[in-house]
Amino acid sequence: MDAGLKALYYTPHAPPIVLNQAGSGWKYEWFGDEHGRIYFPELCMKPALGGRIELSASHCDPTINLFDSMWIIKADIVIDCWKIDLRGCCL
């Protein structure tokens, strides 16, 4: 998974939550600054290659400036796209 500590800033006490679980007990686990991994207790429940896993970040303000936009989703439908201004390098 290409979403580690830099993309999903969190503390060990509040990791991101896996929203669209195919089975129960899925957990996001830190796997470095650049990557994360999803723990799923039963191998038969693992996602298909190329499948999408949705996470809810527990704390976003330290890293939101790393992204160009934020996609707003309601009931599995994209309803808006918010551009992130004031992002980038501080001088």
C-alpha atoms as a PDB file:
ATOM      1  CA  MET A   1       0.000   0.000   0.000  1.00  0.00           C
ATOM      2  CA  ASP A   2       1.434   3.328  -1.027  1.00  0.00           C
ATOM      3  CA  ALA A   3       0.283   5.290   2.003  1.00  0.00           C
ATOM      4  CA  GLY A   4       2.638   5.467   4.941  1.00  0.00           C
ATOM      5  CA  LEU A   5       3.254   7.855   7.791  1.00  0.00           C
ATOM      6  CA  LYS A   6       3.898  10.830   5.496  1.00  0.00           C
ATOM      7  CA  ALA A   7       0.565  10.480   3.673  1.00  0.00           C
ATOM      8  CA  LEU A   8      -1.555   9.426   6.651  1.00  0.00           C
ATOM      9  CA  TYR A   9      -0.060  11.139   9.675  1.00  0.00           C
ATOM     10  CA  TYR A  10      -1.289   9.379  12.763  1.00  0.00           C
ATOM     11  CA  THR A  11      -0.177   8.183  16.156  1.00  0.00           C
ATOM     12  CA  PRO A  12      -0.028   4.522  17.172  1.00  0.00           C
ATOM     13  CA  HIS A  13      -3.104   5.213  19.292  1.00  0.00           C
ATOM     14  CA  ALA A  14      -5.184   6.386  16.331  1.00  0.00           C
ATOM     15  CA  PRO A  15      -4.323   4.529  13.105  1.00  0.00           C
ATOM     16  CA  PRO A  16      -6.432   5.018   9.968  1.00  0.00           C
ATOM     17  CA  ILE A  17      -9.585   2.906   9.831  1.00  0.00           C
ATOM     18  CA  VAL A  18     -10.289   0.536   6.918  1.00  0.00           C
ATOM     19  CA  LEU A  19     -13.769   1.506   5.724  1.00  0.00           C
ATOM     20  CA  ASN A  20     -14.607  -0.980   2.958  1.00  0.00           C
ATOM     21  CA  GLN A  21     -13.686  -4.272   4.560  1.00  0.00           C
ATOM     22  CA  ALA A  22     -14.408  -7.478   2.652  1.00  0.00           C
ATOM     23  CA  GLY A  23     -14.147  -9.337   5.950  1.00  0.00           C
ATOM     24  CA  SER A  24     -13.960  -8.434   9.608  1.00  0.00           C
ATOM     25  CA  GLY A  25     -10.838  -7.561  11.503  1.00  0.00           C
ATOM     26  CA  TRP A  26      -8.981  -5.628   8.791  1.00  0.00           C
ATOM     27  CA  LYS A  27      -6.459  -3.164  10.238  1.00  0.00           C
ATOM     28  CA  TYR A  28      -4.071  -0.638   8.740  1.00  0.00           C
ATOM     29  CA  GLU A  29      -0.531  -1.085  10.049  1.00  0.00           C
ATOM     30  CA  TRP A  30       2.437   1.243   9.691  1.00  0.00           C
ATOM     31  CA  PHE A  31       5.089  -0.146   7.348  1.00  0.00           C
ATOM     32  CA  GLY A  32       7.425   2.827   7.040  1.00  0.00           C
ATOM     33  CA  ASP A  33       7.313   6.486   6.128  1.00  0.00           C
ATOM     34  CA  GLU A  34       6.274   5.770   2.544  1.00  0.00           C
ATOM     35  CA  HIS A  35       4.125   2.641   2.864  1.00  0.00           C
ATOM     36  CA  GLY A  36       1.523   0.928   5.003  1.00  0.00           C
ATOM     37  CA  ARG A  37      -0.035  -2.500   5.010  1.00  0.00           C
ATOM     38  CA  ILE A  38      -3.439  -3.961   5.653  1.00  0.00           C
ATOM     39  CA  TYR A  39      -3.713  -6.834   8.098  1.00  0.00           C
ATOM     40  CA  PHE A  40      -6.564  -9.211   7.385  1.00  0.00           C
ATOM     41  CA  PRO A  41      -6.912 -12.262   9.613  1.00  0.00           C
ATOM     42  CA  GLU A  42      -8.042 -14.686   6.897  1.00  0.00           C
ATOM     43  CA  LEU A  43      -6.114 -14.970   3.631  1.00  0.00           C
ATOM     44  CA  CYS A  44      -9.287 -15.844   1.757  1.00  0.00           C
ATOM     45  CA  MET A  45     -10.547 -12.328   2.527  1.00  0.00           C
ATOM     46  CA  LYS A  46      -7.624 -10.477   0.942  1.00  0.00           C
ATOM     47  CA  PRO A  47      -8.505  -7.921  -1.737  1.00  0.00           C
ATOM     48  CA  ALA A  48      -8.075  -8.651  -5.418  1.00  0.00           C
ATOM     49  CA  LEU A  49      -4.979  -7.306  -7.129  1.00  0.00           C
ATOM     50  CA  GLY A  50      -5.763  -3.745  -8.177  1.00  0.00           C
ATOM     51  CA  GLY A  51      -8.698  -3.510  -5.769  1.00  0.00           C
ATOM     52  CA  ARG A  52      -9.379  -0.293  -3.910  1.00  0.00           C
ATOM     53  CA  ILE A  53      -9.093  -0.034  -0.146  1.00  0.00           C
ATOM     54  CA  GLU A  54     -10.644   2.994   1.492  1.00  0.00           C
ATOM     55  CA  LEU A  55      -9.154   4.463   4.667  1.00  0.00           C
ATOM     56  CA  SER A  56     -10.366   7.134   7.017  1.00  0.00           C
ATOM     57  CA  ALA A  57      -7.402   9.123   8.300  1.00  0.00           C
ATOM     58  CA  SER A  58      -7.587   9.935  11.983  1.00  0.00           C
ATOM     59  CA  HIS A  59      -5.568  13.158  11.723  1.00  0.00           C
ATOM     60  CA  CYS A  60      -4.943  14.996   8.456  1.00  0.00           C
ATOM     61  CA  ASP A  61      -3.784  18.573   9.008  1.00  0.00           C
ATOM     62  CA  PRO A  62      -0.012  17.850   9.238  1.00  0.00           C
ATOM     63  CA  THR A  63       0.049  16.287   5.756  1.00  0.00           C
ATOM     64  CA  ILE A  64      -2.883  17.739   3.797  1.00  0.00           C
ATOM     65  CA  ASN A  65      -0.504  20.181   2.088  1.00  0.00           C
ATOM     66  CA  LEU A  66       1.113  17.213   0.317  1.00  0.00           C
ATOM     67  CA  PHE A  67      -1.930  16.752  -1.923  1.00  0.00           C
ATOM     68  CA  ASP A  68      -3.386  18.843  -4.751  1.00  0.00           C
ATOM     69  CA  SER A  69      -6.994  18.050  -3.942  1.00  0.00           C
ATOM     70  CA  MET A  70      -9.352  16.305  -1.560  1.00  0.00           C
ATOM     71  CA  TRP A  71     -12.141  14.180  -3.023  1.00  0.00           C
ATOM     72  CA  ILE A  72     -15.440  14.386  -1.152  1.00  0.00           C
ATOM     73  CA  ILE A  73     -17.450  11.166  -1.198  1.00  0.00           C
ATOM     74  CA  LYS A  74     -20.965  10.496   0.053  1.00  0.00           C
ATOM     75  CA  ALA A  75     -22.620   7.080  -0.216  1.00  0.00           C
ATOM     76  CA  ASP A  76     -19.850   5.837  -2.553  1.00  0.00           C
ATOM     77  CA  ILE A  77     -20.398   8.746  -4.967  1.00  0.00           C
ATOM     78  CA  VAL A  78     -17.880  11.534  -5.541  1.00  0.00           C
ATOM     79  CA  ILE A  79     -19.857  14.707  -4.845  1.00  0.00           C
ATOM     80  CA  ASP A  80     -17.087  17.304  -4.937  1.00  0.00           C
ATOM     81  CA  CYS A  81     -13.373  17.934  -5.309  1.00  0.00           C
ATOM     82  CA  TRP A  82     -11.767  20.547  -3.087  1.00  0.00           C
ATOM     83  CA  LYS A  83      -8.521  22.058  -4.346  1.00  0.00           C
ATOM     84  CA  ILE A  84      -5.897  22.451  -1.634  1.00  0.00           C
ATOM     85  CA  ASP A  85      -4.481  25.960  -1.747  1.00  0.00           C
ATOM     86  CA  LEU A  86      -1.606  27.217   0.378  1.00  0.00           C
ATOM     87  CA  ARG A  87       0.224  23.963  -0.224  1.00  0.00           C
ATOM     88  CA  GLY A  88       3.873  23.419  -1.007  1.00  0.00           C
ATOM     89  CA  CYS A  89       7.177  24.586   0.337  1.00  0.00           C
ATOM     90  CA  CYS A  90       7.323  27.312   2.980  1.00  0.00           C
ATOM     91  CA  LEU A  91       9.893  30.028   2.349  1.00  0.00           C
END
